[in-house]
């Protein structure tokens, strides 16, 4: 599995929205203050995405299919 890493500097993290479909991953930080887009082709058995951050964060997941 190929691992990519992207970073940005923020004064504070207020919101982060992540959208994943069959071929792309898009991340919108602080209502679009920073954005990231990547081509993403998960294998059928891949069910994990790793996020890291200093401190605590809450995560909600919705299946849109």
N, C-alpha and C. Protein backbone atom coordinates (compact mmCIF):
# COMPACT_ATOMS: atom_id res chain seq x y z
N UNK A 1 0.84 -1.18 0.00
CA UNK A 1 0.00 0.00 0.00
C UNK A 1 0.89 1.24 0.00
N UNK A 2 0.59 2.19 -0.88
CA UNK A 2 1.33 3.44 -0.95
C UNK A 2 0.77 4.41 0.09
N UNK A 3 1.66 5.05 0.84
CA UNK A 3 1.23 6.01 1.86
C UNK A 3 1.63 7.41 1.41
N UNK A 4 0.66 8.31 1.40
CA UNK A 4 0.91 9.71 1.08
C UNK A 4 0.73 10.54 2.33
N UNK A 5 1.46 11.63 2.41
CA UNK A 5 1.35 12.53 3.56
C UNK A 5 1.25 13.96 3.04
N UNK A 6 0.31 14.70 3.58
CA UNK A 6 0.14 16.11 3.22
C UNK A 6 -0.08 16.90 4.49
N UNK A 7 0.43 18.12 4.52
CA UNK A 7 0.31 18.94 5.72
C UNK A 7 -0.06 20.36 5.35
N UNK A 8 -0.56 21.09 6.34
CA UNK A 8 -0.79 22.53 6.20
C UNK A 8 -0.73 23.13 7.61
N UNK A 9 -0.47 24.42 7.68
CA UNK A 9 -0.42 25.11 8.97
C UNK A 9 -1.71 25.89 9.15
N UNK A 10 -2.32 25.74 10.33
CA UNK A 10 -3.57 26.41 10.66
C UNK A 10 -3.45 27.08 12.01
N UNK A 11 -4.16 28.18 12.19
CA UNK A 11 -4.26 28.77 13.53
C UNK A 11 -5.10 27.87 14.43
N UNK A 12 -6.16 27.29 13.87
CA UNK A 12 -6.99 26.35 14.62
C UNK A 12 -7.75 25.47 13.64
N UNK A 13 -8.07 24.26 14.07
CA UNK A 13 -8.87 23.34 13.27
C UNK A 13 -10.29 23.37 13.81
N UNK A 14 -11.21 23.94 13.02
CA UNK A 14 -12.60 24.05 13.45
C UNK A 14 -13.45 22.94 12.84
N UNK A 15 -13.28 22.70 11.53
CA UNK A 15 -14.04 21.65 10.86
C UNK A 15 -13.16 20.95 9.84
N UNK A 16 -13.48 19.67 9.60
CA UNK A 16 -12.81 18.91 8.55
C UNK A 16 -13.86 17.98 7.95
N UNK A 17 -14.09 18.13 6.64
CA UNK A 17 -15.02 17.26 5.93
C UNK A 17 -14.21 16.42 4.96
N UNK A 18 -14.48 15.11 4.93
CA UNK A 18 -13.76 14.19 4.07
C UNK A 18 -14.79 13.44 3.23
N UNK A 19 -14.59 13.46 1.91
CA UNK A 19 -15.47 12.77 0.99
C UNK A 19 -14.65 11.74 0.22
N UNK A 20 -15.11 10.49 0.23
CA UNK A 20 -14.42 9.40 -0.45
C UNK A 20 -15.42 8.69 -1.35
N UNK A 21 -15.05 8.49 -2.61
CA UNK A 21 -15.87 7.65 -3.48
C UNK A 21 -14.98 6.58 -4.09
N UNK A 22 -15.38 6.01 -5.20
CA UNK A 22 -14.63 4.88 -5.76
C UNK A 22 -13.29 5.26 -6.37
N UNK A 23 -13.03 6.55 -6.60
CA UNK A 23 -11.76 6.91 -7.23
C UNK A 23 -11.14 8.20 -6.72
N UNK A 24 -11.71 8.83 -5.72
CA UNK A 24 -11.12 10.08 -5.23
C UNK A 24 -11.36 10.28 -3.75
N UNK A 25 -10.52 11.12 -3.17
CA UNK A 25 -10.62 11.50 -1.77
C UNK A 25 -10.46 13.01 -1.73
N UNK A 26 -11.41 13.72 -1.10
CA UNK A 26 -11.33 15.18 -0.98
C UNK A 26 -11.47 15.56 0.48
N UNK A 27 -10.65 16.50 0.92
CA UNK A 27 -10.67 16.97 2.30
C UNK A 27 -10.82 18.48 2.28
N UNK A 28 -11.79 18.99 3.05
CA UNK A 28 -12.03 20.42 3.18
C UNK A 28 -11.84 20.79 4.64
N UNK A 29 -10.90 21.68 4.91
CA UNK A 29 -10.57 22.08 6.27
C UNK A 29 -11.06 23.50 6.50
N UNK A 30 -11.73 23.70 7.64
CA UNK A 30 -12.27 25.01 8.03
C UNK A 30 -13.09 25.63 6.90
N UNK A 31 -14.07 24.86 6.42
CA UNK A 31 -15.00 25.33 5.39
C UNK A 31 -14.29 25.76 4.11
N UNK A 32 -13.16 25.12 3.76
CA UNK A 32 -12.46 25.40 2.52
C UNK A 32 -11.23 26.29 2.65
N UNK A 33 -10.85 26.66 3.87
CA UNK A 33 -9.63 27.45 4.08
C UNK A 33 -8.42 26.71 3.48
N UNK A 34 -8.39 25.39 3.65
CA UNK A 34 -7.40 24.52 3.01
C UNK A 34 -8.16 23.35 2.41
N UNK A 35 -7.71 22.88 1.24
CA UNK A 35 -8.34 21.72 0.60
C UNK A 35 -7.27 20.77 0.08
N UNK A 36 -7.60 19.49 0.06
CA UNK A 36 -6.71 18.46 -0.48
C UNK A 36 -7.55 17.53 -1.35
N UNK A 37 -7.00 17.13 -2.49
CA UNK A 37 -7.67 16.19 -3.38
C UNK A 37 -6.65 15.15 -3.82
N UNK A 38 -7.07 13.90 -3.88
CA UNK A 38 -6.17 12.83 -4.33
C UNK A 38 -6.98 11.77 -5.06
N UNK A 39 -6.36 11.13 -6.04
CA UNK A 39 -6.95 9.95 -6.67
C UNK A 39 -6.79 8.81 -5.68
N UNK A 40 -7.83 8.02 -5.51
CA UNK A 40 -7.83 6.98 -4.49
C UNK A 40 -8.59 5.78 -5.03
N UNK A 41 -7.91 4.65 -5.16
CA UNK A 41 -8.52 3.42 -5.65
C UNK A 41 -8.34 2.33 -4.60
N UNK A 42 -9.23 2.27 -3.61
CA UNK A 42 -9.07 1.26 -2.55
C UNK A 42 -9.32 -0.15 -3.07
N UNK A 43 -8.57 -1.10 -2.52
CA UNK A 43 -8.83 -2.50 -2.82
C UNK A 43 -10.03 -2.94 -2.01
N UNK A 44 -10.69 -4.00 -2.42
CA UNK A 44 -11.91 -4.43 -1.75
C UNK A 44 -11.71 -4.70 -0.26
N UNK A 45 -10.54 -5.20 0.13
CA UNK A 45 -10.29 -5.53 1.54
C UNK A 45 -9.86 -4.32 2.37
N UNK A 46 -9.47 -3.22 1.72
CA UNK A 46 -9.02 -2.04 2.46
C UNK A 46 -10.21 -1.31 3.07
N UNK A 47 -10.21 -1.21 4.37
CA UNK A 47 -11.31 -0.54 5.06
C UNK A 47 -10.80 0.49 6.05
N UNK A 48 -9.52 0.86 5.95
CA UNK A 48 -8.94 1.79 6.91
C UNK A 48 -8.30 2.98 6.22
N UNK A 49 -8.45 4.13 6.84
CA UNK A 49 -7.72 5.34 6.47
C UNK A 49 -7.15 5.88 7.77
N UNK A 50 -5.89 6.25 7.76
CA UNK A 50 -5.22 6.70 8.98
C UNK A 50 -5.17 8.22 9.02
N UNK A 51 -5.60 8.80 10.15
CA UNK A 51 -5.50 10.23 10.40
C UNK A 51 -4.67 10.40 11.66
N UNK A 52 -3.84 11.44 11.69
CA UNK A 52 -3.11 11.71 12.92
C UNK A 52 -3.17 13.19 13.22
N UNK A 53 -3.20 13.49 14.51
CA UNK A 53 -3.30 14.87 14.97
C UNK A 53 -2.88 14.90 16.43
N UNK A 54 -2.23 15.97 16.84
CA UNK A 54 -1.94 16.13 18.26
C UNK A 54 -3.24 16.50 18.96
N UNK A 55 -3.49 15.90 20.10
CA UNK A 55 -4.70 16.19 20.84
C UNK A 55 -5.84 15.27 20.45
N UNK A 56 -7.04 15.60 20.88
CA UNK A 56 -8.23 14.78 20.70
C UNK A 56 -9.08 15.32 19.56
N UNK A 57 -9.78 14.42 18.85
CA UNK A 57 -10.76 14.86 17.87
C UNK A 57 -11.90 13.85 17.82
N UNK A 58 -13.07 14.32 17.39
CA UNK A 58 -14.25 13.47 17.23
C UNK A 58 -14.43 13.18 15.75
N UNK A 59 -14.93 11.99 15.44
CA UNK A 59 -15.10 11.57 14.06
C UNK A 59 -16.50 10.99 13.89
N UNK A 60 -17.21 11.44 12.84
CA UNK A 60 -18.50 10.87 12.48
C UNK A 60 -18.39 10.34 11.06
N UNK A 61 -19.01 9.20 10.79
CA UNK A 61 -18.95 8.57 9.47
C UNK A 61 -20.37 8.33 8.97
N UNK A 62 -20.60 8.70 7.70
CA UNK A 62 -21.86 8.42 7.05
C UNK A 62 -21.58 7.62 5.78
N UNK A 63 -22.30 6.54 5.56
CA UNK A 63 -22.22 5.80 4.31
C UNK A 63 -23.26 6.39 3.37
N UNK A 64 -22.81 6.90 2.23
CA UNK A 64 -23.70 7.58 1.30
C UNK A 64 -24.14 6.69 0.15
N UNK A 65 -23.71 5.45 0.14
CA UNK A 65 -24.06 4.56 -0.97
C UNK A 65 -25.45 4.00 -0.80
